[in-house]
């Protein structure tokens, strides 16, 4: 299957996404903030990224921009809380291809990953 990077500062959200994706047969990498996400992206070259927007050190929007500089074809979906629609629009302008509202439904996460991988 695919290599997926899950980026979220909330350990329980990462754990939930990692478990779901691993059970679906994917190899999953984790990062707890945007700065770590860039390092893991460079090292592992994942096929897709699921990234939280609000994180310490470097938020998801900054990290998305940096990852897209490294790899203009990076396939990234943002994980967002309710009420972040204006931020979602900014993320799409920066190159995000999809977004998943938290708390997420497992089918929605798997659907977003399938969409990213088929793009």
N, C-alpha and C. Protein backbone atom coordinates (compact mmCIF):
# COMPACT_ATOMS: atom_id res chain seq x y z
N UNK A 1 0.84 -1.19 0.00
CA UNK A 1 0.00 0.00 0.00
C UNK A 1 0.88 1.25 0.00
N UNK A 2 0.38 2.33 0.59
CA UNK A 2 1.06 3.62 0.51
C UNK A 2 1.75 4.00 1.81
N UNK A 3 2.66 4.98 1.70
CA UNK A 3 3.30 5.57 2.88
C UNK A 3 2.55 6.86 3.20
N UNK A 4 2.03 6.95 4.44
CA UNK A 4 1.22 8.09 4.85
C UNK A 4 1.87 8.74 6.07
N UNK A 5 1.96 10.07 6.05
CA UNK A 5 2.46 10.84 7.19
C UNK A 5 1.27 11.49 7.89
N UNK A 6 1.13 11.23 9.19
CA UNK A 6 0.06 11.82 10.00
C UNK A 6 0.71 12.85 10.92
N UNK A 7 0.23 14.10 10.83
CA UNK A 7 0.80 15.20 11.61
C UNK A 7 -0.30 15.82 12.47
N UNK A 8 -0.13 15.70 13.79
CA UNK A 8 -1.10 16.29 14.73
C UNK A 8 -0.43 16.39 16.08
N UNK A 9 -0.62 17.51 16.76
CA UNK A 9 -0.01 17.68 18.08
C UNK A 9 -0.76 16.91 19.16
N UNK A 10 -1.97 16.47 18.89
CA UNK A 10 -2.75 15.68 19.86
C UNK A 10 -2.41 14.20 19.66
N UNK A 11 -1.73 13.63 20.64
CA UNK A 11 -1.28 12.24 20.53
C UNK A 11 -2.43 11.27 20.27
N UNK A 12 -3.59 11.49 20.92
CA UNK A 12 -4.71 10.57 20.73
C UNK A 12 -5.25 10.63 19.30
N UNK A 13 -5.21 11.80 18.67
CA UNK A 13 -5.67 11.91 17.28
C UNK A 13 -4.69 11.19 16.34
N UNK A 14 -3.40 11.37 16.59
CA UNK A 14 -2.40 10.65 15.79
C UNK A 14 -2.58 9.14 15.94
N UNK A 15 -2.72 8.70 17.18
CA UNK A 15 -2.85 7.27 17.45
C UNK A 15 -4.07 6.70 16.73
N UNK A 16 -5.17 7.42 16.79
CA UNK A 16 -6.40 6.97 16.13
C UNK A 16 -6.21 6.86 14.61
N UNK A 17 -5.60 7.88 14.02
CA UNK A 17 -5.38 7.88 12.57
C UNK A 17 -4.36 6.82 12.17
N UNK A 18 -3.28 6.71 12.94
CA UNK A 18 -2.25 5.72 12.63
C UNK A 18 -2.83 4.31 12.67
N UNK A 19 -3.59 4.01 13.70
CA UNK A 19 -4.20 2.68 13.84
C UNK A 19 -5.12 2.39 12.65
N UNK A 20 -5.96 3.33 12.31
CA UNK A 20 -6.89 3.18 11.19
C UNK A 20 -6.15 2.91 9.87
N UNK A 21 -5.13 3.74 9.61
CA UNK A 21 -4.40 3.61 8.34
C UNK A 21 -3.55 2.34 8.30
N UNK A 22 -2.94 1.98 9.43
CA UNK A 22 -2.13 0.75 9.47
C UNK A 22 -3.03 -0.47 9.25
N UNK A 23 -4.22 -0.46 9.85
CA UNK A 23 -5.15 -1.58 9.66
C UNK A 23 -5.61 -1.68 8.21
N UNK A 24 -5.58 -0.56 7.50
CA UNK A 24 -5.95 -0.56 6.07
C UNK A 24 -4.77 -0.97 5.19
N UNK A 25 -3.61 -1.26 5.82
CA UNK A 25 -2.47 -1.77 5.07
C UNK A 25 -1.41 -0.75 4.71
N UNK A 26 -1.55 0.47 5.18
CA UNK A 26 -0.58 1.52 4.86
C UNK A 26 0.60 1.51 5.84
N UNK A 27 1.74 1.99 5.39
CA UNK A 27 2.87 2.27 6.27
C UNK A 27 2.67 3.70 6.75
N UNK A 28 2.71 3.90 8.07
CA UNK A 28 2.36 5.21 8.61
C UNK A 28 3.51 5.80 9.42
N UNK A 29 3.79 7.08 9.15
CA UNK A 29 4.79 7.85 9.89
C UNK A 29 4.05 8.93 10.67
N UNK A 30 4.65 9.39 11.76
CA UNK A 30 4.01 10.39 12.60
C UNK A 30 4.91 11.59 12.83
N UNK A 31 4.27 12.74 13.04
CA UNK A 31 4.97 13.96 13.47
C UNK A 31 4.01 14.72 14.37
N UNK A 32 4.56 15.37 15.41
CA UNK A 32 3.69 16.06 16.36
C UNK A 32 3.61 17.56 16.13
N UNK A 33 4.34 18.08 15.14
CA UNK A 33 4.21 19.49 14.78
C UNK A 33 4.70 19.68 13.35
N UNK A 34 4.49 20.88 12.84
CA UNK A 34 4.85 21.16 11.45
C UNK A 34 6.33 21.05 11.15
N UNK A 35 7.17 21.45 12.10
CA UNK A 35 8.62 21.38 11.89
C UNK A 35 9.06 19.92 11.75
N UNK A 36 8.54 19.06 12.63
CA UNK A 36 8.85 17.63 12.54
C UNK A 36 8.31 17.04 11.25
N UNK A 37 7.16 17.52 10.82
CA UNK A 37 6.54 17.01 9.58
C UNK A 37 7.47 17.22 8.39
N UNK A 38 8.10 18.38 8.33
CA UNK A 38 9.01 18.67 7.23
C UNK A 38 10.20 17.71 7.26
N UNK A 39 10.75 17.47 8.44
CA UNK A 39 11.88 16.54 8.57
C UNK A 39 11.49 15.13 8.15
N UNK A 40 10.33 14.67 8.62
CA UNK A 40 9.88 13.32 8.27
C UNK A 40 9.58 13.25 6.77
N UNK A 41 8.99 14.30 6.22
CA UNK A 41 8.68 14.31 4.78
C UNK A 41 9.96 14.16 3.96
N UNK A 42 10.99 14.92 4.32
CA UNK A 42 12.26 14.85 3.61
C UNK A 42 12.87 13.45 3.70
N UNK A 43 12.79 12.85 4.90
CA UNK A 43 13.42 11.55 5.13
C UNK A 43 12.66 10.39 4.50
N UNK A 44 11.34 10.43 4.56
CA UNK A 44 10.53 9.26 4.17
C UNK A 44 9.82 9.39 2.83
N UNK A 45 9.68 10.60 2.31
CA UNK A 45 8.98 10.82 1.04
C UNK A 45 7.63 10.09 0.99
N UNK A 46 6.71 10.43 1.90
CA UNK A 46 5.41 9.74 1.92
C UNK A 46 4.59 10.02 0.67
N UNK A 47 3.66 9.11 0.40
CA UNK A 47 2.77 9.26 -0.75
C UNK A 47 1.66 10.26 -0.48
N UNK A 48 1.32 10.44 0.80
CA UNK A 48 0.26 11.37 1.19
C UNK A 48 0.48 11.83 2.63
N UNK A 49 -0.09 13.00 2.95
CA UNK A 49 0.05 13.58 4.28
C UNK A 49 -1.33 14.00 4.79
N UNK A 50 -1.62 13.66 6.04
CA UNK A 50 -2.78 14.18 6.75
C UNK A 50 -2.24 15.10 7.82
N UNK A 51 -2.59 16.40 7.76
CA UNK A 51 -1.95 17.37 8.65
C UNK A 51 -2.96 18.27 9.36
N UNK A 52 -2.79 18.34 10.68
CA UNK A 52 -3.59 19.26 11.50
C UNK A 52 -3.21 20.69 11.14
N UNK A 53 -4.11 21.61 11.32
CA UNK A 53 -3.81 23.02 11.03
C UNK A 53 -3.19 23.71 12.25
N UNK A 54 -3.80 23.53 13.42
CA UNK A 54 -3.36 24.25 14.61
C UNK A 54 -2.40 23.39 15.42
N UNK A 55 -1.12 23.78 15.42
CA UNK A 55 -0.08 23.05 16.15
C UNK A 55 0.97 24.03 16.66
N UNK A 56 1.70 23.64 17.71
CA UNK A 56 2.79 24.49 18.21
C UNK A 56 4.01 24.43 17.30
N UNK A 57 4.94 25.33 17.51
CA UNK A 57 6.21 25.45 16.78
C UNK A 57 6.02 25.89 15.33
N UNK A 58 5.30 25.12 14.55
CA UNK A 58 4.98 25.51 13.18
C UNK A 58 3.61 24.94 12.85
N UNK A 59 2.67 25.80 12.46
CA UNK A 59 1.32 25.29 12.20
C UNK A 59 1.25 24.57 10.85
N UNK A 60 0.10 23.97 10.61
CA UNK A 60 -0.08 23.17 9.41
C UNK A 60 0.00 23.97 8.12
N UNK A 61 -0.42 25.23 8.13
CA UNK A 61 -0.36 26.05 6.92
C UNK A 61 1.09 26.34 6.53
N UNK A 62 1.91 26.72 7.53
CA UNK A 62 3.33 26.98 7.25
C UNK A 62 4.02 25.71 6.78
N UNK A 63 3.73 24.60 7.45
CA UNK A 63 4.34 23.33 7.08
C UNK A 63 3.91 22.90 5.68
N UNK A 64 2.64 23.09 5.36
CA UNK A 64 2.14 22.79 4.02
C UNK A 64 2.92 23.57 2.97
N UNK A 65 3.11 24.86 3.20
CA UNK A 65 3.86 25.70 2.26
C UNK A 65 5.30 25.20 2.09
N UNK A 66 5.94 24.83 3.20
CA UNK A 66 7.32 24.35 3.14
C UNK A 66 7.42 23.01 2.42
N UNK A 67 6.49 22.12 2.71
CA UNK A 67 6.48 20.81 2.04
C UNK A 67 6.26 20.98 0.54
N UNK A 68 5.39 21.90 0.16
CA UNK A 68 5.13 22.13 -1.27
C UNK A 68 6.35 22.76 -1.96
N UNK A 69 7.19 23.49 -1.21
CA UNK A 69 8.44 24.00 -1.79
C UNK A 69 9.40 22.84 -2.06
N UNK A 70 9.45 21.89 -1.13
CA UNK A 70 10.30 20.71 -1.28
C UNK A 70 9.79 19.83 -2.41
N UNK A 71 8.48 19.65 -2.45
CA UNK A 71 7.84 18.75 -3.42
C UNK A 71 6.54 19.39 -3.90
N UNK A 72 6.58 20.09 -5.04
CA UNK A 72 5.38 20.76 -5.54
C UNK A 72 4.21 19.81 -5.79
N UNK A 73 4.49 18.53 -5.92
CA UNK A 73 3.43 17.55 -6.16
C UNK A 73 2.94 16.87 -4.90
N UNK A 74 3.37 17.36 -3.73
CA UNK A 74 2.97 16.74 -2.45
C UNK A 74 1.45 16.67 -2.34
N UNK A 75 0.97 15.53 -1.86
CA UNK A 75 -0.46 15.30 -1.70
C UNK A 75 -0.81 15.43 -0.23
N UNK A 76 -1.46 16.54 0.12
CA UNK A 76 -1.73 16.86 1.53
C UNK A 76 -3.22 17.13 1.74
N UNK A 77 -3.77 16.51 2.78
CA UNK A 77 -5.13 16.82 3.23
C UNK A 77 -5.01 17.39 4.64
N UNK A 78 -5.77 18.43 4.91
CA UNK A 78 -5.72 19.09 6.21
C UNK A 78 -6.77 18.51 7.14
N UNK A 79 -6.40 18.38 8.41
CA UNK A 79 -7.32 17.97 9.47
C UNK A 79 -7.75 19.25 10.18
N UNK A 80 -9.04 19.52 10.21
CA UNK A 80 -9.51 20.79 10.76
C UNK A 80 -10.60 20.59 11.80
N UNK A 81 -10.67 21.53 12.73
CA UNK A 81 -11.77 21.56 13.68
C UNK A 81 -12.93 22.31 13.03
N UNK A 82 -14.11 22.12 13.55
CA UNK A 82 -15.27 22.85 13.04
C UNK A 82 -15.01 24.35 13.16
N UNK A 83 -15.52 25.12 12.21
CA UNK A 83 -15.41 26.57 12.30
C UNK A 83 -14.11 27.14 11.75
N UNK A 84 -13.34 26.35 11.04
CA UNK A 84 -12.08 26.84 10.47
C UNK A 84 -12.18 27.00 8.94
N UNK A 85 -13.37 27.34 8.43
CA UNK A 85 -13.58 27.40 6.99
C UNK A 85 -12.65 28.39 6.29
N UNK A 86 -12.41 29.56 6.89
CA UNK A 86 -11.54 30.54 6.23
C UNK A 86 -10.10 30.02 6.16
N UNK A 87 -9.70 29.29 7.19
CA UNK A 87 -8.36 28.71 7.19
C UNK A 87 -8.27 27.60 6.15
N UNK A 88 -9.36 26.85 6.00
CA UNK A 88 -9.39 25.79 4.98
C UNK A 88 -9.19 26.39 3.60
N UNK A 89 -9.82 27.52 3.33
CA UNK A 89 -9.65 28.16 2.02
C UNK A 89 -8.19 28.56 1.81
N UNK A 90 -7.54 29.07 2.84
CA UNK A 90 -6.12 29.42 2.76
C UNK A 90 -5.30 28.17 2.46
N UNK A 91 -5.62 27.06 3.13
CA UNK A 91 -4.89 25.81 2.92
C UNK A 91 -5.04 25.32 1.48
N UNK A 92 -6.23 25.45 0.93
CA UNK A 92 -6.45 25.03 -0.46
C UNK A 92 -5.64 25.91 -1.41
N UNK A 93 -5.59 27.21 -1.14
CA UNK A 93 -4.77 28.11 -1.98
C UNK A 93 -3.29 27.74 -1.90
N UNK A 94 -2.87 27.21 -0.75
CA UNK A 94 -1.46 26.82 -0.58
C UNK A 94 -1.16 25.43 -1.13
N UNK A 95 -2.19 24.73 -1.60
CA UNK A 95 -1.94 23.44 -2.23
C UNK A 95 -2.55 22.22 -1.57
N UNK A 96 -3.30 22.39 -0.48
CA UNK A 96 -3.97 21.24 0.12
C UNK A 96 -5.01 20.72 -0.87
N UNK A 97 -5.16 19.41 -0.92
CA UNK A 97 -6.07 18.82 -1.89
C UNK A 97 -7.40 18.38 -1.30
N UNK A 98 -7.47 18.34 0.03
CA UNK A 98 -8.70 17.90 0.68
C UNK A 98 -8.64 18.34 2.14
N UNK A 99 -9.73 18.19 2.85
CA UNK A 99 -9.72 18.45 4.29
C UNK A 99 -10.69 17.51 4.97
N UNK A 100 -10.37 17.16 6.21
CA UNK A 100 -11.18 16.25 7.02
C UNK A 100 -11.50 16.99 8.32
N UNK A 101 -12.78 17.04 8.68
CA UNK A 101 -13.20 17.72 9.90
C UNK A 101 -13.03 16.77 11.09
N UNK A 102 -12.40 17.30 12.16
CA UNK A 102 -12.23 16.53 13.40
C UNK A 102 -13.38 16.86 14.35
N UNK A 103 -13.81 15.91 15.16
CA UNK A 103 -13.32 14.53 15.21
C UNK A 103 -13.76 13.79 13.94
N UNK A 104 -12.83 13.04 13.37
CA UNK A 104 -13.10 12.46 12.06
C UNK A 104 -13.77 11.08 12.14
N UNK A 105 -14.54 10.81 11.10
CA UNK A 105 -15.12 9.49 10.92
C UNK A 105 -14.10 8.64 10.16
N UNK A 106 -13.90 7.39 10.56
CA UNK A 106 -12.91 6.55 9.87
C UNK A 106 -13.09 6.50 8.36
N UNK A 107 -14.34 6.38 7.89
CA UNK A 107 -14.57 6.32 6.45
C UNK A 107 -14.12 7.60 5.75
N UNK A 108 -14.26 8.72 6.42
CA UNK A 108 -13.86 10.00 5.82
C UNK A 108 -12.34 10.08 5.67
N UNK A 109 -11.61 9.58 6.67
CA UNK A 109 -10.15 9.59 6.60
C UNK A 109 -9.68 8.66 5.47
N UNK A 110 -10.22 7.47 5.42
CA UNK A 110 -9.84 6.52 4.36
C UNK A 110 -10.20 7.06 2.98
N UNK A 111 -11.35 7.73 2.89
CA UNK A 111 -11.76 8.33 1.62
C UNK A 111 -10.81 9.45 1.21
N UNK A 112 -10.38 10.25 2.15
CA UNK A 112 -9.44 11.34 1.84
C UNK A 112 -8.11 10.78 1.36
N UNK A 113 -7.64 9.73 2.02
CA UNK A 113 -6.38 9.10 1.61
C UNK A 113 -6.52 8.51 0.20
N UNK A 114 -7.62 7.82 -0.05
CA UNK A 114 -7.85 7.26 -1.40
C UNK A 114 -7.87 8.36 -2.45
N UNK A 115 -8.52 9.49 -2.12
CA UNK A 115 -8.59 10.62 -3.05
C UNK A 115 -7.19 11.17 -3.33
N UNK A 116 -6.38 11.34 -2.26
CA UNK A 116 -5.02 11.84 -2.44
C UNK A 116 -4.18 10.90 -3.29
N UNK A 117 -4.30 9.62 -3.04
CA UNK A 117 -3.47 8.63 -3.76
C UNK A 117 -3.88 8.49 -5.21
N UNK A 118 -5.12 8.75 -5.52
CA UNK A 118 -5.58 8.61 -6.91
C UNK A 118 -5.41 9.88 -7.71
N UNK A 119 -5.03 10.97 -7.03
CA UNK A 119 -4.88 12.28 -7.73
C UNK A 119 -3.62 12.30 -8.56
